[in-house]
C-alpha atoms as a PDB file:
ATOM      1  CA  MET A   1     135.257  92.492 113.754  1.00  0.00           C
ATOM      2  CA  ASP A   2     136.329  92.418 110.094  1.00  0.00           C
ATOM      3  CA  ARG A   3     136.509  95.487 107.884  1.00  0.00           C
ATOM      4  CA  LEU A   4     133.237  94.757 106.029  1.00  0.00           C
ATOM      5  CA  ALA A   5     131.331  94.419 109.300  1.00  0.00           C
ATOM      6  CA  GLN A   6     132.823  97.718 110.494  1.00  0.00           C
ATOM      7  CA  ILE A   7     131.741  99.420 107.278  1.00  0.00           C
ATOM      8  CA  GLU A   8     128.255  97.935 107.623  1.00  0.00           C
ATOM      9  CA  ALA A   9     128.055  99.294 111.166  1.00  0.00           C
ATOM     10  CA  PHE A  10     129.169 102.767 110.027  1.00  0.00           C
ATOM     11  CA  ILE A  11     126.623 102.802 107.185  1.00  0.00           C
ATOM     12  CA  ARG A  12     123.807 101.718 109.488  1.00  0.00           C
ATOM     13  CA  VAL A  13     124.713 104.369 112.097  1.00  0.00           C
ATOM     14  CA  SER A  14     124.765 107.012 109.361  1.00  0.00           C
ATOM     15  CA  GLU A  15     121.314 105.977 108.120  1.00  0.00           C
ATOM     16  CA  GLU A  16     119.655 105.367 111.482  1.00  0.00           C
ATOM     17  CA  GLY A  17     121.086 108.477 113.147  1.00  0.00           C
ATOM     18  CA  SER A  18     122.193 106.795 116.376  1.00  0.00           C
ATOM     19  CA  PHE A  19     124.274 103.902 117.677  1.00  0.00           C
ATOM     20  CA  SER A  20     121.324 102.391 119.558  1.00  0.00           C
ATOM     21  CA  ALA A  21     119.052 102.417 116.489  1.00  0.00           C
ATOM     22  CA  ALA A  22     121.839 100.929 114.372  1.00  0.00           C
ATOM     23  CA  ALA A  23     122.387  98.199 116.957  1.00  0.00           C
ATOM     24  CA  ARG A  24     118.706  97.283 116.896  1.00  0.00           C
ATOM     25  CA  SER A  25     118.743  97.198 113.111  1.00  0.00           C
ATOM     26  CA  LEU A  26     121.836  94.975 113.070  1.00  0.00           C
ATOM     27  CA  LYS A  27     120.499  92.845 115.955  1.00  0.00           C
ATOM     28  CA  THR A  28     123.557  93.432 118.098  1.00  0.00           C
ATOM     29  CA  THR A  29     124.569  95.593 121.055  1.00  0.00           C
ATOM     30  CA  GLN A  30     125.238  99.314 121.110  1.00  0.00           C
ATOM     31  CA  PRO A  31     128.783  98.927 122.529  1.00  0.00           C
ATOM     32  CA  SER A  32     129.745  96.556 119.692  1.00  0.00           C
ATOM     33  CA  VAL A  33     128.496  99.015 117.067  1.00  0.00           C
ATOM     34  CA  SER A  34     130.270 101.919 118.752  1.00  0.00           C
ATOM     35  CA  LYS A  35     133.512  99.922 118.919  1.00  0.00           C
ATOM     36  CA  ALA A  36     133.210  98.877 115.261  1.00  0.00           C
ATOM     37  CA  VAL A  37     132.928 102.489 114.116  1.00  0.00           C
ATOM     38  CA  ALA A  38     135.738 103.619 116.409  1.00  0.00           C
ATOM     39  CA  ASP A  39     138.019 100.836 115.106  1.00  0.00           C
ATOM     40  CA  LEU A  40     137.165 101.821 111.508  1.00  0.00           C
ATOM     41  CA  GLU A  41     138.042 105.470 112.214  1.00  0.00           C
ATOM     42  CA  LYS A  42     141.320 104.340 113.792  1.00  0.00           C
ATOM     43  CA  LYS A  43     142.221 102.278 110.709  1.00  0.00           C
ATOM     44  CA  LEU A  44     141.370 105.170 108.393  1.00  0.00           C
ATOM     45  CA  GLY A  45     143.149 107.701 110.571  1.00  0.00           C
ATOM     46  CA  THR A  46     140.261 110.177 110.427  1.00  0.00           C
ATOM     47  CA  ARG A  47     137.020 110.956 112.234  1.00  0.00           C
ATOM     48  CA  LEU A  48     133.868 109.944 110.352  1.00  0.00           C
ATOM     49  CA  LEU A  49     131.278 111.057 112.909  1.00  0.00           C
ATOM     50  CA  ASN A  50     130.790 114.102 115.083  1.00  0.00           C
ATOM     51  CA  ARG A  51     129.525 112.881 118.458  1.00  0.00           C
ATOM     52  CA  THR A  52     127.897 114.931 121.195  1.00  0.00           C
ATOM     53  CA  THR A  53     125.685 113.857 124.078  1.00  0.00           C
ATOM     54  CA  ARG A  54     122.583 114.699 122.034  1.00  0.00           C
ATOM     55  CA  THR A  55     123.448 114.647 118.350  1.00  0.00           C
ATOM     56  CA  LEU A  56     125.329 112.558 115.829  1.00  0.00           C
ATOM     57  CA  SER A  57     126.380 113.847 112.422  1.00  0.00           C
ATOM     58  CA  LEU A  58     128.741 112.924 109.607  1.00  0.00           C
ATOM     59  CA  THR A  59     131.979 114.819 109.153  1.00  0.00           C
ATOM     60  CA  GLU A  60     133.016 115.931 105.684  1.00  0.00           C
ATOM     61  CA  ALA A  61     135.206 112.850 105.413  1.00  0.00           C
ATOM     62  CA  GLY A  62     132.319 110.767 106.741  1.00  0.00           C
ATOM     63  CA  ILE A  63     129.935 112.002 104.035  1.00  0.00           C
ATOM     64  CA  ALA A  64     132.418 111.170 101.267  1.00  0.00           C
ATOM     65  CA  TYR A  65     133.244 107.763 102.776  1.00  0.00           C
ATOM     66  CA  TYR A  66     129.573 106.911 103.253  1.00  0.00           C
ATOM     67  CA  ARG A  67     128.745 107.611  99.600  1.00  0.00           C
ATOM     68  CA  GLN A  68     131.641 105.483  98.351  1.00  0.00           C
ATOM     69  CA  MET A  69     131.019 102.588 100.715  1.00  0.00           C
ATOM     70  CA  LYS A  70     127.259 102.636 100.078  1.00  0.00           C
ATOM     71  CA  ARG A  71     127.872 102.068  96.375  1.00  0.00           C
ATOM     72  CA  ILE A  72     130.165  99.141  97.174  1.00  0.00           C
ATOM     73  CA  VAL A  73     127.642  97.580  99.563  1.00  0.00           C
ATOM     74  CA  LEU A  74     124.901  97.963  96.942  1.00  0.00           C
ATOM     75  CA  LEU A  75     127.068  96.070  94.469  1.00  0.00           C
ATOM     76  CA  LEU A  76     127.668  93.314  97.021  1.00  0.00           C
ATOM     77  CA  ASP A  77     123.949  93.089  97.782  1.00  0.00           C
ATOM     78  CA  GLU A  78     123.249  92.985  94.065  1.00  0.00           C
ATOM     79  CA  ALA A  79     125.651  90.074  93.568  1.00  0.00           C
ATOM     80  CA  ASN A  80     124.270  88.180  96.576  1.00  0.00           C
ATOM     81  CA  ALA A  81     120.699  88.743  95.413  1.00  0.00           C
ATOM     82  CA  GLU A  82     121.435  87.384  91.951  1.00  0.00           C
ATOM     83  CA  VAL A  83     122.776  84.166  93.458  1.00  0.00           C
ATOM     84  CA  GLN A  84     119.856  83.848  95.882  1.00  0.00           C
ATOM     85  CA  ASP A  85     117.210  84.668  93.281  1.00  0.00           C
ATOM     86  CA  GLY A  86     118.688  82.220  90.831  1.00  0.00           C
ATOM     87  CA  SER A  87     118.855  79.294  93.239  1.00  0.00           C
ATOM     88  CA  GLU A  88     116.072  79.752  95.789  1.00  0.00           C
ATOM     89  CA  GLY A  89     113.394  81.925  94.220  1.00  0.00           C
ATOM     90  CA  LEU A  90     112.500  85.497  95.143  1.00  0.00           C
ATOM     91  CA  ARG A  91     113.589  86.602  98.593  1.00  0.00           C
ATOM     92  CA  GLY A  92     115.243  89.526 100.336  1.00  0.00           C
ATOM     93  CA  ARG A  93     114.394  93.137 101.096  1.00  0.00           C
ATOM     94  CA  ILE A  94     113.263  95.845  98.665  1.00  0.00           C
ATOM     95  CA  ARG A  95     113.461  99.440  99.841  1.00  0.00           C
ATOM     96  CA  VAL A  96     110.944 101.675  98.028  1.00  0.00           C
ATOM     97  CA  ASN A  97     110.890 105.466  98.197  1.00  0.00           C
ATOM     98  CA  ALA A  98     107.938 107.534  96.952  1.00  0.00           C
ATOM     99  CA  PRO A  99     106.352 110.937  97.552  1.00  0.00           C
ATOM    100  CA  GLY A 100     103.193 110.930  99.654  1.00  0.00           C
ATOM    101  CA  LEU A 101     100.931 111.235  96.615  1.00  0.00           C
ATOM    102  CA  LEU A 102     102.347 108.018  95.110  1.00  0.00           C
ATOM    103  CA  ALA A 103     103.225 106.117  98.280  1.00  0.00           C
ATOM    104  CA  SER A 104      99.627 105.546  99.384  1.00  0.00           C
ATOM    105  CA  ASN A 105      97.961 105.330  95.959  1.00  0.00           C
ATOM    106  CA  LEU A 106     100.549 103.433  93.890  1.00  0.00           C
ATOM    107  CA  ALA A 107     103.493 102.019  95.840  1.00  0.00           C
ATOM    108  CA  LEU A 108     101.660 100.545  98.850  1.00  0.00           C
ATOM    109  CA  PRO A 109      98.969  98.634  96.884  1.00  0.00           C
ATOM    110  CA  ALA A 110     101.652  97.260  94.543  1.00  0.00           C
ATOM    111  CA  LEU A 111     104.008  96.007  97.243  1.00  0.00           C
ATOM    112  CA  LEU A 112     101.191  94.436  99.281  1.00  0.00           C
ATOM    113  CA  ALA A 113      99.885  92.603  96.199  1.00  0.00           C
ATOM    114  CA  PHE A 114     103.433  91.505  95.294  1.00  0.00           C
ATOM    115  CA  GLN A 115     104.095  90.220  98.797  1.00  0.00           C
ATOM    116  CA  LYS A 116     100.998  88.017  98.648  1.00  0.00           C
ATOM    117  CA  GLN A 117     102.648  86.158  95.772  1.00  0.00           C
ATOM    118  CA  PHE A 118     106.216  86.240  97.097  1.00  0.00           C
ATOM    119  CA  SER A 119     106.092  85.989 100.877  1.00  0.00           C
ATOM    120  CA  GLU A 120     109.890  85.762 101.237  1.00  0.00           C
ATOM    121  CA  VAL A 121     110.283  89.326  99.901  1.00  0.00           C
ATOM    122  CA  THR A 122     110.097  92.058 102.530  1.00  0.00           C
ATOM    123  CA  PHE A 123     109.637  95.779 101.939  1.00  0.00           C
ATOM    124  CA  ASP A 124     110.606  99.090 103.464  1.00  0.00           C
ATOM    125  CA  LEU A 125     108.326 101.850 102.135  1.00  0.00           C
ATOM    126  CA  ILE A 126     109.576 105.368 102.802  1.00  0.00           C
ATOM    127  CA  MET A 127     107.319 108.343 102.077  1.00  0.00           C
ATOM    128  CA  GLU A 128     109.413 111.394 101.185  1.00  0.00           C
ATOM    129  CA  ASP A 129     108.256 114.414  99.194  1.00  0.00           C
ATOM    130  CA  ARG A 130     111.723 115.906  98.701  1.00  0.00           C
ATOM    131  CA  ARG A 131     113.863 114.717  95.795  1.00  0.00           C
ATOM    132  CA  ILE A 132     116.250 112.244  97.368  1.00  0.00           C
ATOM    133  CA  ASP A 133     119.558 110.709  96.344  1.00  0.00           C
ATOM    134  CA  PRO A 134     118.498 107.039  95.962  1.00  0.00           C
ATOM    135  CA  VAL A 135     122.076 105.826  96.473  1.00  0.00           C
ATOM    136  CA  GLY A 136     122.529 107.870  99.630  1.00  0.00           C
ATOM    137  CA  GLU A 137     119.104 106.824 100.930  1.00  0.00           C
ATOM    138  CA  ALA A 138     119.667 103.161  99.951  1.00  0.00           C
ATOM    139  CA  ALA A 139     116.491 103.046  97.848  1.00  0.00           C
ATOM    140  CA  ASP A 140     116.183 100.059  95.515  1.00  0.00           C
ATOM    141  CA  VAL A 141     113.197 101.608  93.725  1.00  0.00           C
ATOM    142  CA  THR A 142     112.202 105.268  93.658  1.00  0.00           C
ATOM    143  CA  VAL A 143     108.764 106.206  92.305  1.00  0.00           C
ATOM    144  CA  ARG A 144     108.623 109.689  90.809  1.00  0.00           C
ATOM    145  CA  ILE A 145     105.989 111.856  89.183  1.00  0.00           C
ATOM    146  CA  GLY A 146     106.685 114.535  86.590  1.00  0.00           C
ATOM    147  CA  ALA A 147     109.694 115.300  84.430  1.00  0.00           C
ATOM    148  CA  LEU A 148     112.979 113.702  85.502  1.00  0.00           C
ATOM    149  CA  ALA A 149     116.102 115.769  86.044  1.00  0.00           C
ATOM    150  CA  ASP A 150     119.368 114.609  84.497  1.00  0.00           C
ATOM    151  CA  SER A 151     120.664 111.743  86.564  1.00  0.00           C
ATOM    152  CA  THR A 152     123.076 108.823  86.558  1.00  0.00           C
ATOM    153  CA  LEU A 153     120.202 106.661  87.802  1.00  0.00           C
ATOM    154  CA  ARG A 154     118.492 104.249  85.467  1.00  0.00           C
ATOM    155  CA  ALA A 155     114.826 105.004  84.877  1.00  0.00           C
ATOM    156  CA  ARG A 156     111.877 103.042  83.570  1.00  0.00           C
ATOM    157  CA  ARG A 157     108.741 104.786  82.350  1.00  0.00           C
ATOM    158  CA  ALA A 158     105.705 103.321  84.100  1.00  0.00           C
ATOM    159  CA  GLY A 159     103.044 105.373  82.342  1.00  0.00           C
ATOM    160  CA  ALA A 160     101.183 108.664  82.634  1.00  0.00           C
ATOM    161  CA  ALA A 161      98.636 109.907  85.152  1.00  0.00           C
ATOM    162  CA  SER A 162      95.879 112.061  83.726  1.00  0.00           C
ATOM    163  CA  ILE A 163      95.011 115.158  85.750  1.00  0.00           C
ATOM    164  CA  GLY A 164      91.864 117.191  86.265  1.00  0.00           C
ATOM    165  CA  LEU A 165      90.365 120.191  88.031  1.00  0.00           C
ATOM    166  CA  TYR A 166      88.370 119.413  91.170  1.00  0.00           C
ATOM    167  CA  ALA A 167      86.394 121.417  93.699  1.00  0.00           C
ATOM    168  CA  ALA A 168      83.845 120.742  96.432  1.00  0.00           C
ATOM    169  CA  PRO A 169      80.225 121.241  95.263  1.00  0.00           C
ATOM    170  CA  GLU A 170      79.649 123.474  98.301  1.00  0.00           C
ATOM    171  CA  TYR A 171      82.540 125.700  97.206  1.00  0.00           C
ATOM    172  CA  LEU A 172      81.105 126.044  93.695  1.00  0.00           C
ATOM    173  CA  ALA A 173      77.633 126.831  95.054  1.00  0.00           C
ATOM    174  CA  ARG A 174      79.048 129.454  97.405  1.00  0.00           C
ATOM    175  CA  ARG A 175      81.012 131.139  94.626  1.00  0.00           C
ATOM    176  CA  LEU A 176      77.908 131.156  92.397  1.00  0.00           C
ATOM    177  CA  GLU A 177      75.831 132.731  95.135  1.00  0.00           C
ATOM    178  CA  ILE A 178      78.383 135.491  95.669  1.00  0.00           C
ATOM    179  CA  ALA A 179      78.597 136.086  91.924  1.00  0.00           C
ATOM    180  CA  SER A 180      74.824 136.224  91.436  1.00  0.00           C
ATOM    181  CA  GLN A 181      74.493 138.858  94.148  1.00  0.00           C
ATOM    182  CA  ALA A 182      77.139 140.954  92.418  1.00  0.00           C
ATOM    183  CA  GLY A 183      75.797 140.204  88.930  1.00  0.00           C
ATOM    184  CA  ASP A 184      79.198 138.852  87.875  1.00  0.00           C
ATOM    185  CA  THR A 185      80.868 135.618  86.728  1.00  0.00           C
ATOM    186  CA  ALA A 186      81.826 133.306  89.595  1.00  0.00           C
ATOM    187  CA  GLY A 187      85.566 133.504  90.265  1.00  0.00           C
ATOM    188  CA  LEU A 188      87.291 130.280  91.316  1.00  0.00           C
ATOM    189  CA  GLY A 189      90.640 130.141  93.091  1.00  0.00           C
ATOM    190  CA  LEU A 190      93.103 127.691  91.536  1.00  0.00           C
ATOM    191  CA  LEU A 191      95.289 126.246  94.309  1.00  0.00           C
ATOM    192  CA  ARG A 192      98.979 126.953  93.762  1.00  0.00           C
ATOM    193  CA  TYR A 193     101.848 124.595  94.556  1.00  0.00           C
ATOM    194  CA  SER A 194     104.910 125.720  96.508  1.00  0.00           C
ATOM    195  CA  GLY A 195     107.640 127.004  94.205  1.00  0.00           C
ATOM    196  CA  GLN A 196     105.291 127.036  91.222  1.00  0.00           C
ATOM    197  CA  LYS A 197     105.591 129.860  88.744  1.00  0.00           C
ATOM    198  CA  GLU A 198     102.219 131.503  88.323  1.00  0.00           C
ATOM    199  CA  GLY A 199     102.084 131.063  84.537  1.00  0.00           C
ATOM    200  CA  PRO A 200      98.967 131.381  82.393  1.00  0.00           C
ATOM    201  CA  LEU A 201      95.603 130.033  83.485  1.00  0.00           C
ATOM    202  CA  LEU A 202      94.224 126.967  81.756  1.00  0.00           C
ATOM    203  CA  THR A 203      91.259 128.942  80.485  1.00  0.00           C
ATOM    204  CA  ALA A 204      89.816 132.396  81.146  1.00  0.00           C
ATOM    205  CA  VAL A 205      86.152 131.361  81.451  1.00  0.00           C
ATOM    206  CA  LEU A 206      84.582 127.908  81.691  1.00  0.00           C
ATOM    207  CA  GLN A 207      81.001 126.690  81.755  1.00  0.00           C
ATOM    208  CA  ASP A 208      79.547 123.676  83.527  1.00  0.00           C
ATOM    209  CA  THR A 209      76.794 121.331  82.323  1.00  0.00           C
ATOM    210  CA  ALA A 210      74.142 123.441  84.069  1.00  0.00           C
ATOM    211  CA  GLY A 211      75.174 126.455  82.030  1.00  0.00           C
ATOM    212  CA  TYR A 212      76.817 128.399  84.873  1.00  0.00           C
ATOM    213  CA  SER A 213      79.956 130.352  83.983  1.00  0.00           C
ATOM    214  CA  TYR A 214      83.119 130.489  86.059  1.00  0.00           C
ATOM    215  CA  SER A 215      86.419 132.286  85.716  1.00  0.00           C
ATOM    216  CA  LEU A 216      89.684 130.855  87.028  1.00  0.00           C
ATOM    217  CA  GLU A 217      92.242 132.879  88.927  1.00  0.00           C
ATOM    218  CA  TRP A 218      95.277 131.846  90.960  1.00  0.00           C
ATOM    219  CA  SER A 219      94.457 131.607  94.650  1.00  0.00           C
ATOM    220  CA  ARG A 220      96.158 134.291  96.743  1.00  0.00           C
ATOM    221  CA  THR A 221      95.280 132.714 100.063  1.00  0.00           C
ATOM    222  CA  VAL A 222      96.334 129.046  99.950  1.00  0.00           C
ATOM    223  CA  THR A 223      99.545 127.415  98.689  1.00  0.00           C
ATOM    224  CA  VAL A 224     100.157 123.681  99.081  1.00  0.00           C
ATOM    225  CA  SER A 225     103.270 121.518  98.792  1.00  0.00           C
ATOM    226  CA  ASN A 226     101.785 118.362  97.245  1.00  0.00           C
ATOM    227  CA  GLY A 227      98.728 116.775  95.655  1.00  0.00           C
ATOM    228  CA  LEU A 228      97.483 115.204  98.888  1.00  0.00           C
ATOM    229  CA  LEU A 229      97.226 118.632 100.491  1.00  0.00           C
ATOM    230  CA  ALA A 230      95.662 120.087  97.338  1.00  0.00           C
ATOM    231  CA  ARG A 231      92.947 117.409  97.470  1.00  0.00           C
ATOM    232  CA  GLU A 232      92.333 118.024 101.177  1.00  0.00           C
ATOM    233  CA  ALA A 233      92.184 121.799 100.645  1.00  0.00           C
ATOM    234  CA  ALA A 234      89.642 121.314  97.839  1.00  0.00           C
ATOM    235  CA  LEU A 235      87.539 119.008 100.025  1.00  0.00           C
ATOM    236  CA  GLN A 236      87.471 121.711 102.686  1.00  0.00           C
ATOM    237  CA  GLY A 237      86.331 124.335 100.184  1.00  0.00           C
ATOM    238  CA  ALA A 238      89.576 126.249  99.809  1.00  0.00           C
ATOM    239  CA  GLY A 239      89.565 126.278  95.995  1.00  0.00           C
ATOM    240  CA  VAL A 240      90.119 124.225  92.855  1.00  0.00           C
ATOM    241  CA  ALA A 241      92.779 121.499  92.945  1.00  0.00           C
ATOM    242  CA  ILE A 242      94.812 120.376  89.940  1.00  0.00           C
ATOM    243  CA  ILE A 243      95.480 116.746  90.849  1.00  0.00           C
ATOM    244  CA  PRO A 244      95.753 113.301  89.220  1.00  0.00           C
ATOM    245  CA  ARG A 245      92.405 111.705  88.479  1.00  0.00           C
ATOM    246  CA  PHE A 246      93.305 108.592  90.464  1.00  0.00           C
ATOM    247  CA  LEU A 247      93.555 110.753  93.577  1.00  0.00           C
ATOM    248  CA  ALA A 248      90.087 112.259  93.138  1.00  0.00           C
ATOM    249  CA  ALA A 249      88.218 109.236  91.709  1.00  0.00           C
ATOM    250  CA  GLU A 250      86.637 108.048  94.956  1.00  0.00           C
ATOM    251  CA  ASP A 251      85.674 111.580  95.994  1.00  0.00           C
ATOM    252  CA  VAL A 252      83.939 112.147  92.664  1.00  0.00           C
ATOM    253  CA  LYS A 253      82.002 108.869  93.067  1.00  0.00           C
ATOM    254  CA  THR A 254      80.775 109.890  96.511  1.00  0.00           C
ATOM    255  CA  GLY A 255      79.992 113.445  95.460  1.00  0.00           C
ATOM    256  CA  ARG A 256      82.567 115.067  97.714  1.00  0.00           C
ATOM    257  CA  LEU A 257      84.331 116.605  94.711  1.00  0.00           C
ATOM    258  CA  ALA A 258      83.100 117.720  91.300  1.00  0.00           C
ATOM    259  CA  GLU A 259      85.318 117.719  88.209  1.00  0.00           C
ATOM    260  CA  LEU A 260      85.487 120.855  86.072  1.00  0.00           C
ATOM    261  CA  LEU A 261      86.329 120.699  82.354  1.00  0.00           C
ATOM    262  CA  ALA A 262      86.047 116.914  82.453  1.00  0.00           C
ATOM    263  CA  ASP A 263      86.097 116.707  78.651  1.00  0.00           C
ATOM    264  CA  THR A 264      89.229 118.841  78.336  1.00  0.00           C
ATOM    265  CA  GLN A 265      92.523 116.983  77.874  1.00  0.00           C
ATOM    266  CA  LEU A 266      95.034 118.458  80.310  1.00  0.00           C
ATOM    267  CA  PRO A 267      98.757 117.581  80.165  1.00  0.00           C
ATOM    268  CA  ALA A 268      99.384 114.222  81.866  1.00  0.00           C
ATOM    269  CA  LEU A 269     102.098 113.613  84.460  1.00  0.00           C
ATOM    270  CA  GLU A 270     104.746 110.978  83.757  1.00  0.00           C
ATOM    271  CA  ILE A 271     105.249 108.231  86.354  1.00  0.00           C
ATOM    272  CA  SER A 272     108.752 106.717  86.468  1.00  0.00           C
ATOM    273  CA  LEU A 273     110.579 104.042  88.422  1.00  0.00           C
ATOM    274  CA  LEU A 274     114.254 104.697  89.170  1.00  0.00           C
ATOM    275  CA  HIS A 275     116.907 102.337  90.468  1.00  0.00           C
ATOM    276  CA  PRO A 276     120.568 102.935  91.425  1.00  0.00           C
ATOM    277  CA  PHE A 277     122.075  99.675  90.162  1.00  0.00           C
ATOM    278  CA  THR A 278     124.929  99.926  87.682  1.00  0.00           C
ATOM    279  CA  ARG A 279     123.587  97.020  85.621  1.00  0.00           C
ATOM    280  CA  ASP A 280     120.158  95.410  85.562  1.00  0.00           C
ATOM    281  CA  PRO A 281     118.633  95.446  89.060  1.00  0.00           C
ATOM    282  CA  PRO A 282     118.481  92.255  91.150  1.00  0.00           C
ATOM    283  CA  HIS A 283     115.848  89.823  89.929  1.00  0.00           C
ATOM    284  CA  ARG A 284     113.475  90.490  92.833  1.00  0.00           C
ATOM    285  CA  VAL A 285     113.646  94.258  92.175  1.00  0.00           C
ATOM    286  CA  LYS A 286     113.082  93.830  88.436  1.00  0.00           C
ATOM    287  CA  ARG A 287     110.150  91.481  89.048  1.00  0.00           C
ATOM    288  CA  PHE A 288     108.599  93.970  91.448  1.00  0.00           C
ATOM    289  CA  MET A 289     108.988  96.834  88.967  1.00  0.00           C
ATOM    290  CA  ASP A 290     107.380  94.746  86.208  1.00  0.00           C
ATOM    291  CA  PHE A 291     104.596  93.700  88.564  1.00  0.00           C
ATOM    292  CA  ALA A 292     103.891  97.264  89.736  1.00  0.00           C
ATOM    293  CA  VAL A 293     103.705  98.722  86.224  1.00  0.00           C
ATOM    294  CA  GLU A 294     101.364  95.938  85.065  1.00  0.00           C
ATOM    295  CA  LEU A 295      99.124  96.356  88.131  1.00  0.00           C
ATOM    296  CA  TRP A 296      98.859 100.134  87.742  1.00  0.00           C
ATOM    297  CA  ARG A 297      98.059  99.913  84.040  1.00  0.00           C
ATOM    298  CA  THR A 298      95.534  97.089  84.202  1.00  0.00           C
ATOM    299  CA  SER A 299      93.722  98.702  87.135  1.00  0.00           C
ATOM    300  CA  GLY A 300      93.431 101.942  85.162  1.00  0.00           C
ATOM    301  CA  VAL A 301      95.303 104.002  87.752  1.00  0.00           C
ATOM    302  CA  ILE A 302      97.731 105.173  85.047  1.00  0.00           C
ATOM    303  CA  ASP A 303      97.758 105.043  81.251  1.00  0.00           C
ATOM    304  CA  ALA A 304     100.432 103.250  79.269  1.00  0.00           C
END
């Protein structure tokens, strides 16, 4: 097996977490993958993987080698894709990474619509709420919400998602009933996100269209890690969720959620597309990014 094939085997084992999974991915046998990695380690004169009967992990040298080789393989894939795209139309695989909030509501509809037009393009959609290293995770496109940290990655602004305050009507009625019995303003619990600094409330007292007054306070009982959980907690009457409007739109239509301060302009959340390519991304990736942004904007999911 040549050096490039050995490197490919090592990268796939590192990403899949086992020799058997890597073999299935490469459509070969487990012994051949194991031998390829062992031969590569012998050539390099160092161990890249820690092997036990139950676990497989990268050594320090393995982590460094993986990062370097992954960049090289990405460049090779980029060059191959440019040739293929230029001569045979759009084809090949696009690996998309997105947090749960964006994976189901933005990324999945976009890639399914794109694939209807370009059937030779295949997708891997990975839902991951943690901030990943797109190079290390081999992501061609990473969809992110909110401010971007400094990065060597290239980013494209897709638009902005407006946000709102939402609660279940039953929750609001219950809080009003408790307040009326005590002769006080109804207190509403604003659901906090994990790691969020408490900060100031959006407003001290608000009033709905029926003339009822509410006061907002940070919930002391429920903390959530993402917008999907915030929506679900609000639906189950746990408090008021601060979530993108596209996430609550259907629930508002069906009456499962009510929007508070609907006429108040709250700070919008930026939606960005990141890619790890050193130059312009492969044509199929660029076309998909253009397609996704256009779809999201024309459908009203995000604002330009």
